[in-house]
Amino acid sequence: MTTEALQHAAAEVDMVDPPPPSTASSAPAANGKRKAETELERPATKPSPAPGNSDQDPTASDAATVDSASQPLSKNQLKRLRRQQQWEQYKAERRAKRKDKRHERQARKRAEREAKIAEAEAAGIDPATVLQPKEPWRHRPVPVAFIIDCDFEQYMREQEIVSLSSQIVRSYAMNRKARYHASLHLSSWKGKLRERFETVLKNAHRNWKNVGFHEGDFREAARLAREQMAGPNGGEAIEIIKPRSESRQGEPSRAGTENTTPTVDAEPEGEDVDRTIVYLTSESPYTLDRLEANTSYVIGGLVDRNREKGLCYKRAREYKVRTAKLPIGEYMAMQSRYVLTTNQVVEIMAKWLECGDWGKAFMDVIPKRKGGTLKDKTPVGAAEDKDGEGEDDDEDEDDGVRDATPEGQTPSEDKIELSSEPAAQRQGISQ
């Protein structure tokens, strides 16, 4: 056979369809084809380090496992994802524990009630006179507004925004449980904080009563709060928030200092200052003596571990509103710094509306572990709480909102500096 004939025969063999491969051999080929197509569809990624490079990211394989169609996740993202998975994994167990605690608390109350009834019957006393019926909850609005200014997101880390969201939840709960209810407003409602409430917290805030959410700044929130307080549902002014008579303007305060001109350097409040708004800040030279009707009290929603100084005071001076600080330095002797969380400030003012006594309000709200005492030597906490034992409000209260904070951040470290030393005077805010 000639050379041309051999070449022609070889060409005919190539044109014949090859036999179908076996099932075992076809699977790797198909998998390889799909893998190649997937690699072509994936976006370009950074080149992997050389085989001898010891700095190669050990989480690269984990990132590919989490989402092979996206770029590798960072270490912090992987940690956050693992914490979220663990949170979801043990969510049912935590719910069961809370249910058991609630049942134990109810059983303890029933036992105490039965013991009181037995003692009364043994003494021949009507049990109804011994048992104190719980006053039913009812809405008692007062013309006072608490505004949480949420326009400090750029100064906070992501975890601090989570902490602020927990404090806002507690602020609503504390104000709603109070005897008298001030209207609660949140200004600058936007950004990551709002996104967290709408996603992670599943829009639970939309069911809140007597709460306003405003995209504008605190002045816009105060304007809307002022309209609400002047309306038919604004509430009735109780005695302690009514305007003082002229005869009481010079009345000495509880701390014994007269309401005179402050001795510290302060920018004078001009005629153009909005007197219906009081911004609470530790830098203010004025000390809050009382709450006033038809007034909005602004609390800076800032959790920054005291990195930023004077932000709230500068903001208040820029927008020309009154400023004040809580009289904690005049009523309390603390073993630690005078720092409070946002929800504690709301609760203190709500307690003052109930009792009209700053000392009692501080005593009921400030954590016992701080070892604080009133200036009249009344201890804030019991002796067994001196070393941090027993219940602590700003640590144990997290159980009630743990579902709202998946990352498990407690607000015990998220403080707002209010006052580190007593004021030189006790200036009435109704000046």
Protein backbone atom coordinates (compact mmCIF):
# COMPACT_ATOMS: atom_id res chain seq x y z
CA MET A 1 0.00 0.00 0.00
CA THR A 2 1.30 3.38 -0.99
CA THR A 3 1.90 6.28 1.35
CA GLU A 4 -1.07 8.23 -0.01
CA ALA A 5 -3.38 5.26 0.64
CA LEU A 6 -2.22 4.97 4.26
CA GLN A 7 -2.83 8.67 4.91
CA HIS A 8 -6.33 8.39 3.41
CA ALA A 9 -7.18 5.40 5.65
CA ALA A 10 -5.98 7.26 8.77
CA ALA A 11 -8.18 10.25 7.94
CA GLU A 12 -11.24 7.98 7.62
CA VAL A 13 -10.55 6.46 11.06
CA ASP A 14 -10.40 9.94 12.66
CA MET A 15 -13.78 10.82 11.18
CA VAL A 16 -15.48 7.82 12.75
CA ASP A 17 -17.32 8.63 16.09
CA PRO A 18 -15.41 7.30 19.07
CA PRO A 19 -17.17 4.74 21.32
CA PRO A 20 -19.06 6.19 24.33
CA PRO A 21 -16.96 6.20 27.48
CA SER A 22 -17.92 4.11 30.46
CA THR A 23 -20.00 5.58 33.31
CA ALA A 24 -17.04 5.50 35.69
CA SER A 25 -14.82 7.44 33.31
CA SER A 26 -17.51 9.95 32.20
CA ALA A 27 -18.20 11.30 35.72
CA PRO A 28 -14.74 12.83 36.24
CA ALA A 29 -14.85 14.36 32.79
CA ALA A 30 -18.26 15.95 33.44
CA ASN A 31 -17.17 17.20 36.85
CA GLY A 32 -14.05 18.67 35.34
CA LYS A 33 -16.10 20.46 32.71
CA ARG A 34 -18.49 21.94 35.31
CA LYS A 35 -15.56 23.02 37.46
CA ALA A 36 -13.93 24.74 34.50
CA GLU A 37 -17.17 26.54 33.65
CA THR A 38 -17.54 27.64 37.29
CA GLU A 39 -14.01 29.00 37.35
CA LEU A 40 -14.70 30.97 34.17
CA GLU A 41 -17.86 32.49 35.67
CA ARG A 42 -16.22 33.48 38.98
CA PRO A 43 -14.90 37.06 39.28
CA ALA A 44 -11.20 37.61 39.27
CA THR A 45 -9.54 37.11 42.64
CA LYS A 46 -6.17 37.97 44.05
CA PRO A 47 -3.42 35.54 43.06
CA SER A 48 -2.63 32.98 45.72
CA PRO A 49 0.78 33.23 47.41
CA ALA A 50 3.68 31.09 46.39
CA PRO A 51 3.80 27.53 47.81
CA GLY A 52 6.73 28.44 50.00
CA ASN A 53 5.05 31.50 51.49
CA SER A 54 4.35 30.85 55.17
CA ASP A 55 1.98 33.86 55.39
CA GLN A 56 -0.70 32.14 53.35
CA ASP A 57 -4.18 32.82 54.82
CA PRO A 58 -5.26 29.65 56.69
CA THR A 59 -8.92 30.64 56.28
CA ALA A 60 -8.85 30.56 52.47
CA SER A 61 -10.31 27.04 52.37
CA ASP A 62 -12.98 28.03 54.92
CA ALA A 63 -13.93 31.05 52.83
CA ALA A 64 -14.29 28.88 49.73
CA THR A 65 -16.48 26.49 51.71
CA VAL A 66 -18.73 29.32 52.94
CA ASP A 67 -19.35 30.77 49.50
CA SER A 68 -17.47 29.44 46.52
CA ALA A 69 -19.12 31.92 44.15
CA SER A 70 -17.81 35.02 45.95
CA GLN A 71 -14.47 36.36 46.98
CA PRO A 72 -12.84 34.90 50.12
CA LEU A 73 -14.13 36.29 53.41
CA SER A 74 -11.88 38.05 55.86
CA LYS A 75 -11.05 36.60 59.28
CA ASN A 76 -13.39 39.00 61.06
CA GLN A 77 -16.23 38.12 58.69
CA LEU A 78 -15.66 34.42 59.28
CA LYS A 79 -15.65 34.92 63.05
CA ARG A 80 -18.85 36.93 62.87
CA LEU A 81 -20.46 34.25 60.71
CA ARG A 82 -19.45 31.50 63.17
CA ARG A 83 -20.85 33.50 66.10
CA GLN A 84 -24.11 33.97 64.24
CA GLN A 85 -24.30 30.24 63.50
CA GLN A 86 -23.64 29.39 67.14
CA TRP A 87 -26.27 31.91 68.21
CA GLU A 88 -28.88 30.31 65.98
CA GLN A 89 -27.81 26.83 67.06
CA TYR A 90 -28.42 27.49 70.77
CA LYS A 91 -31.39 29.83 70.40
CA ALA A 92 -33.94 27.20 71.43
CA GLU A 93 -31.87 26.26 74.47
CA ARG A 94 -31.70 29.88 75.64
CA ARG A 95 -35.43 30.28 75.16
CA ALA A 96 -36.02 27.18 77.29
CA LYS A 97 -33.78 28.55 80.04
CA ARG A 98 -35.65 31.86 80.09
CA LYS A 99 -38.93 29.97 80.28
CA ASP A 100 -37.67 27.92 83.24
CA LYS A 101 -36.53 31.07 85.04
CA ARG A 102 -39.90 32.67 84.46
CA HIS A 103 -41.71 29.64 85.85
CA GLU A 104 -39.41 29.57 88.89
CA ARG A 105 -40.08 33.25 89.52
CA GLN A 106 -43.82 32.72 89.27
CA ALA A 107 -43.67 29.74 91.59
CA ARG A 108 -41.67 31.75 94.13
CA LYS A 109 -44.22 34.55 94.06
CA ARG A 110 -47.07 32.08 94.52
CA ALA A 111 -45.31 30.52 97.50
CA GLU A 112 -44.74 33.94 99.09
CA ARG A 113 -48.38 34.85 98.54
CA GLU A 114 -49.61 31.58 100.09
CA ALA A 115 -47.29 32.11 103.06
CA LYS A 116 -48.73 35.59 103.67
CA ILE A 117 -52.26 34.24 103.47
CA ALA A 118 -51.44 31.45 105.93
CA GLU A 119 -49.89 33.90 108.39
CA ALA A 120 -52.89 36.20 108.15
CA GLU A 121 -55.36 33.38 108.69
CA ALA A 122 -53.35 32.11 111.66
CA ALA A 123 -53.46 35.59 113.20
CA GLY A 124 -57.15 35.93 112.49
CA ILE A 125 -56.64 38.75 109.97
CA ASP A 126 -58.44 39.10 106.68
CA PRO A 127 -55.91 38.06 103.99
CA ALA A 128 -57.19 40.83 101.71
CA THR A 129 -55.73 43.41 104.09
CA VAL A 130 -52.30 41.79 103.96
CA LEU A 131 -52.02 41.29 100.23
CA GLN A 132 -51.25 44.41 98.26
CA PRO A 133 -52.96 44.20 94.87
CA LYS A 134 -50.76 45.21 91.98
CA GLU A 135 -51.86 48.41 90.34
CA PRO A 136 -53.00 47.67 86.79
CA TRP A 137 -50.93 49.21 84.03
CA ARG A 138 -52.44 52.16 82.28
CA HIS A 139 -51.09 54.79 79.95
CA ARG A 140 -50.34 58.04 81.81
CA PRO A 141 -48.77 60.41 79.28
CA VAL A 142 -47.06 63.58 80.49
CA PRO A 143 -45.99 66.53 78.31
CA VAL A 144 -42.28 65.68 78.43
CA ALA A 145 -40.24 64.22 75.57
CA PHE A 146 -37.06 62.12 75.63
CA ILE A 147 -35.14 62.29 72.34
CA ILE A 148 -32.24 59.95 71.55
CA ASP A 149 -29.97 61.62 69.01
CA CYS A 150 -28.67 58.85 66.71
CA ASP A 151 -26.54 61.07 64.49
CA PHE A 152 -23.17 59.76 65.72
CA GLU A 153 -22.86 56.62 63.64
CA GLN A 154 -19.62 57.78 62.01
CA TYR A 155 -17.92 57.79 65.42
CA MET A 156 -18.90 54.24 66.38
CA ARG A 157 -17.66 50.80 65.45
CA GLU A 158 -20.06 48.13 64.27
CA GLN A 159 -20.23 46.41 67.64
CA GLU A 160 -20.92 49.74 69.34
CA ILE A 161 -23.88 50.28 67.01
CA VAL A 162 -25.16 46.89 68.15
CA SER A 163 -24.81 48.03 71.76
CA LEU A 164 -26.71 51.24 71.03
CA SER A 165 -29.56 49.27 69.50
CA SER A 166 -29.80 47.20 72.69
CA GLN A 167 -29.86 50.37 74.79
CA ILE A 168 -32.65 51.81 72.65
CA VAL A 169 -34.70 48.65 73.18
CA ARG A 170 -34.20 48.96 76.94
CA SER A 171 -35.01 52.66 76.89
CA TYR A 172 -38.39 51.91 75.34
CA ALA A 173 -39.05 49.08 77.81
CA MET A 174 -38.12 51.20 80.85
CA ASN A 175 -40.17 54.19 79.73
CA ARG A 176 -43.18 51.99 79.03
CA LYS A 177 -42.97 50.34 82.46
CA ALA A 178 -42.70 53.69 84.24
CA ARG A 179 -45.64 55.15 86.12
CA TYR A 180 -45.69 58.28 83.96
CA HIS A 181 -44.85 58.01 80.29
CA ALA A 182 -42.85 60.63 78.47
CA SER A 183 -42.98 60.48 74.69
CA LEU A 184 -39.87 58.79 73.28
CA HIS A 185 -38.37 59.93 69.97
CA LEU A 186 -35.37 58.82 67.92
CA SER A 187 -33.83 61.39 65.60
CA SER A 188 -31.48 60.83 62.63
CA TRP A 189 -33.13 57.43 62.17
CA LYS A 190 -31.07 56.08 59.28
CA GLY A 191 -27.92 54.20 58.38
CA LYS A 192 -26.73 50.95 59.93
CA LEU A 193 -28.75 51.41 63.12
CA ARG A 194 -32.03 51.56 61.23
CA GLU A 195 -30.93 48.71 58.97
CA ARG A 196 -30.25 46.56 62.04
CA PHE A 197 -33.73 47.19 63.46
CA GLU A 198 -35.33 46.38 60.11
CA THR A 199 -33.34 43.19 59.47
CA VAL A 200 -31.80 41.57 62.54
CA LEU A 201 -34.52 42.78 64.93
CA LYS A 202 -37.23 41.99 62.35
CA ASN A 203 -38.97 45.40 62.49
CA ALA A 204 -40.14 44.82 66.06
CA HIS A 205 -39.92 48.58 66.65
CA ARG A 206 -42.93 49.14 64.39
CA ASN A 207 -45.12 47.74 67.17
CA TRP A 208 -43.84 50.23 69.75
CA LYS A 209 -46.40 52.62 71.21
CA ASN A 210 -45.93 56.36 71.70
CA VAL A 211 -42.52 56.35 69.96
CA GLY A 212 -41.51 58.55 67.05
CA PHE A 213 -38.85 57.67 64.47
CA HIS A 214 -37.56 60.67 62.52
CA GLU A 215 -34.99 60.86 59.73
CA GLY A 216 -34.37 64.53 60.55
CA ASP A 217 -32.11 65.83 63.33
CA PHE A 218 -33.08 66.28 66.97
CA ARG A 219 -34.53 69.74 66.30
CA GLU A 220 -37.02 68.28 63.86
CA ALA A 221 -37.86 65.54 66.37
CA ALA A 222 -38.32 68.19 69.08
CA ARG A 223 -40.66 70.19 66.84
CA LEU A 224 -42.83 67.14 66.22
CA ALA A 225 -42.71 66.24 69.91
CA ARG A 226 -43.79 69.77 70.80
CA GLU A 227 -46.79 69.46 68.49
CA GLN A 228 -47.66 66.13 70.05
CA MET A 229 -47.40 67.49 73.61
CA ALA A 230 -49.65 70.42 72.70
CA GLY A 231 -52.25 68.10 71.17
CA PRO A 232 -55.12 66.24 72.84
CA ASN A 233 -52.95 63.16 73.45
CA GLY A 234 -50.01 65.08 74.87
CA GLY A 235 -50.84 64.24 78.46
CA GLU A 236 -51.48 66.26 81.58
CA ALA A 237 -48.74 68.09 83.45
CA ILE A 238 -48.20 66.59 86.90
CA GLU A 239 -47.35 68.84 89.83
CA ILE A 240 -43.57 68.41 89.80
CA ILE A 241 -43.15 69.53 86.18
CA LYS A 242 -45.44 72.56 86.33
CA PRO A 243 -43.74 75.98 86.08
CA ARG A 244 -42.40 77.31 89.37
CA SER A 245 -43.93 80.40 90.91
CA GLU A 246 -41.81 83.50 91.27
CA SER A 247 -41.48 82.88 95.00
CA ARG A 248 -39.70 79.58 94.41
CA GLN A 249 -37.12 80.74 91.88
CA GLY A 250 -34.49 81.49 94.53
CA GLU A 251 -35.29 78.49 96.68
CA PRO A 252 -32.13 76.62 97.76
CA SER A 253 -31.60 73.22 96.24
CA ARG A 254 -31.34 69.96 98.13
CA ALA A 255 -27.55 70.14 97.98
CA GLY A 256 -27.66 73.50 99.77
CA THR A 257 -26.32 75.69 96.96
CA GLU A 258 -28.26 78.68 95.75
CA ASN A 259 -29.42 79.02 92.15
CA THR A 260 -26.96 81.82 91.37
CA THR A 261 -24.74 82.65 88.44
CA PRO A 262 -22.30 79.82 87.63
CA THR A 263 -18.66 80.38 88.55
CA VAL A 264 -17.35 78.20 85.71
CA ASP A 265 -16.64 79.67 82.31
CA ALA A 266 -19.63 79.24 80.03
CA GLU A 267 -20.83 80.62 76.77
CA PRO A 268 -23.83 82.84 77.52
CA GLU A 269 -27.15 81.63 76.24
CA GLY A 270 -28.46 84.31 73.89
CA GLU A 271 -31.98 85.34 73.09
CA ASP A 272 -32.04 83.12 70.01
CA VAL A 273 -31.54 79.92 72.04
CA ASP A 274 -34.39 77.43 71.73
CA ARG A 275 -35.62 77.11 75.31
CA THR A 276 -37.89 74.14 74.61
CA ILE A 277 -34.90 71.81 74.07
CA VAL A 278 -32.32 70.73 76.67
CA TYR A 279 -29.33 68.69 75.44
CA LEU A 280 -27.88 66.54 78.24
CA THR A 281 -24.08 66.64 78.22
CA SER A 282 -21.40 66.46 80.89
CA GLU A 283 -19.58 69.48 79.45
CA SER A 284 -22.49 71.78 80.25
CA PRO A 285 -21.88 74.32 83.06
CA TYR A 286 -25.52 73.98 84.12
CA THR A 287 -26.93 71.22 86.31
CA LEU A 288 -30.41 69.88 85.72
CA ASP A 289 -32.57 70.76 88.73
CA ARG A 290 -35.92 69.46 87.49
CA LEU A 291 -37.81 68.42 84.39
CA GLU A 292 -40.21 70.90 82.83
CA ALA A 293 -43.49 70.49 81.02
CA ASN A 294 -43.53 70.91 77.23
CA THR A 295 -39.75 70.42 77.05
CA SER A 296 -37.68 67.93 75.06
CA TYR A 297 -34.60 66.40 76.69
CA VAL A 298 -32.03 65.14 74.18
CA ILE A 299 -29.69 62.24 74.98
CA GLY A 300 -26.72 61.65 72.71
CA GLY A 301 -26.92 58.14 71.25
CA LEU A 302 -23.16 57.67 71.28
CA VAL A 303 -21.32 54.52 72.38
CA ASP A 304 -17.62 55.12 71.87
CA ARG A 305 -15.89 54.11 75.17
CA ASN A 306 -15.20 57.81 75.75
CA ARG A 307 -12.94 58.17 72.69
CA GLU A 308 -14.68 61.32 71.54
CA LYS A 309 -14.95 64.27 73.92
CA GLY A 310 -17.41 67.15 73.82
CA LEU A 311 -19.34 66.04 70.72
CA CYS A 312 -22.77 66.53 72.29
CA TYR A 313 -21.91 69.91 73.82
CA LYS A 314 -20.48 71.23 70.53
CA ARG A 315 -23.54 69.99 68.70
CA ALA A 316 -25.87 71.70 71.18
CA ARG A 317 -23.98 74.99 70.94
CA GLU A 318 -23.95 74.79 67.14
CA TYR A 319 -27.72 74.38 66.99
CA LYS A 320 -28.32 76.93 69.78
CA VAL A 321 -30.21 74.86 72.34
CA ARG A 322 -29.92 74.77 76.10
CA THR A 323 -27.58 72.30 77.78
CA ALA A 324 -27.50 70.63 81.19
CA LYS A 325 -26.06 67.65 83.04
CA LEU A 326 -27.70 65.34 85.54
CA PRO A 327 -26.97 66.25 89.20
CA ILE A 328 -25.25 62.94 89.90
CA GLY A 329 -22.19 64.65 91.38
CA GLU A 330 -24.30 66.54 93.90
CA TYR A 331 -26.31 63.56 95.11
CA MET A 332 -23.95 60.60 94.78
CA ALA A 333 -20.52 59.65 96.08
CA MET A 334 -19.19 57.01 93.69
CA GLN A 335 -16.25 54.64 93.93
CA SER A 336 -15.90 54.74 90.15
CA ARG A 337 -16.48 57.23 87.34
CA TYR A 338 -19.81 58.98 86.85
CA VAL A 339 -20.79 57.16 83.67
CA LEU A 340 -24.21 55.94 82.56
CA THR A 341 -25.63 54.18 79.54
CA THR A 342 -28.26 55.76 77.32
CA ASN A 343 -31.06 53.60 78.72
CA GLN A 344 -30.00 54.41 82.30
CA VAL A 345 -30.34 58.14 81.61
CA VAL A 346 -33.86 57.55 80.27
CA GLU A 347 -34.74 55.42 83.28
CA ILE A 348 -33.38 57.97 85.77
CA MET A 349 -35.52 60.74 84.30
CA ALA A 350 -38.55 58.43 84.21
CA LYS A 351 -37.97 57.61 87.90
CA TRP A 352 -37.73 61.31 88.73
CA LEU A 353 -41.12 61.88 87.11
CA GLU A 354 -42.48 59.25 89.48
CA CYS A 355 -40.90 60.35 92.77
CA GLY A 356 -39.51 63.86 92.18
CA ASP A 357 -36.26 62.94 94.00
CA TRP A 358 -32.97 62.67 92.09
CA GLY A 359 -31.34 60.79 94.94
CA LYS A 360 -33.95 58.02 94.90
CA ALA A 361 -33.84 57.90 91.10
CA PHE A 362 -30.05 57.43 91.13
CA MET A 363 -30.30 54.85 93.88
CA ASP A 364 -32.85 52.78 91.95
CA VAL A 365 -31.03 52.87 88.62
CA ILE A 366 -27.26 53.07 89.16
CA PRO A 367 -25.75 49.55 89.38
CA LYS A 368 -25.04 48.39 92.93
CA ARG A 369 -21.59 47.10 91.99
CA LYS A 370 -20.38 50.69 91.65
CA GLY A 371 -20.59 51.01 95.42
CA GLY A 372 -22.16 54.45 95.30
CA THR A 373 -23.76 56.19 98.28
CA LEU A 374 -25.98 59.20 98.59
CA LYS A 375 -24.45 62.33 100.05
CA ASP A 376 -26.62 61.78 103.14
CA LYS A 377 -24.69 58.49 103.65
CA THR A 378 -27.52 56.27 102.45
CA PRO A 379 -25.97 53.25 100.71
CA VAL A 380 -27.07 52.55 97.17
CA GLY A 381 -26.52 48.80 97.34
CA ALA A 382 -26.72 46.17 100.02
CA ALA A 383 -23.58 45.05 101.85
CA GLU A 384 -23.45 41.74 100.03
CA ASP A 385 -23.32 43.59 96.72
CA LYS A 386 -20.15 45.47 97.65
CA ASP A 387 -17.84 43.14 95.76
CA GLY A 388 -20.07 42.88 92.72
CA GLU A 389 -22.12 39.96 94.00
CA GLY A 390 -25.87 39.79 93.62
CA GLU A 391 -27.92 41.32 90.88
CA ASP A 392 -26.55 44.03 88.65
CA ASP A 393 -29.00 45.98 86.58
CA ASP A 394 -26.76 46.74 83.62
CA GLU A 395 -25.53 43.16 83.35
CA ASP A 396 -28.56 40.99 84.14
CA GLU A 397 -31.06 43.03 82.17
CA ASP A 398 -29.55 41.64 78.97
CA ASP A 399 -31.64 38.49 79.35
CA GLY A 400 -34.75 40.40 78.40
CA VAL A 401 -33.43 41.54 75.02
CA ARG A 402 -30.93 38.86 74.15
CA ASP A 403 -32.93 37.87 71.09
CA ALA A 404 -32.53 41.42 69.85
CA THR A 405 -28.73 41.30 70.07
CA PRO A 406 -27.37 38.19 68.35
CA GLU A 407 -23.78 39.21 68.85
CA GLY A 408 -24.29 38.99 72.61
CA GLN A 409 -23.06 42.48 73.35
CA THR A 410 -23.98 43.70 76.81
CA PRO A 411 -24.11 47.43 77.49
CA SER A 412 -22.20 47.33 80.75
CA GLU A 413 -19.10 48.73 79.05
CA ASP A 414 -20.90 51.22 76.82
CA LYS A 415 -20.96 54.33 78.97
CA ILE A 416 -21.79 57.97 78.60
CA GLU A 417 -19.78 60.35 80.70
CA LEU A 418 -22.25 62.65 82.43
CA SER A 419 -20.38 64.40 85.22
CA SER A 420 -17.12 63.73 87.00
CA GLU A 421 -17.36 66.37 89.69
CA PRO A 422 -20.11 68.37 91.41
CA ALA A 423 -21.26 71.54 89.74
CA ALA A 424 -20.27 74.86 91.25
CA GLN A 425 -23.93 75.75 91.34
CA ARG A 426 -27.27 74.13 90.85
CA GLN A 427 -28.70 76.13 88.03
CA GLY A 428 -32.42 75.67 87.45
CA ILE A 429 -33.00 74.93 83.81
CA SER A 430 -36.03 77.22 83.91
CA GLN A 431 -33.67 80.20 83.92
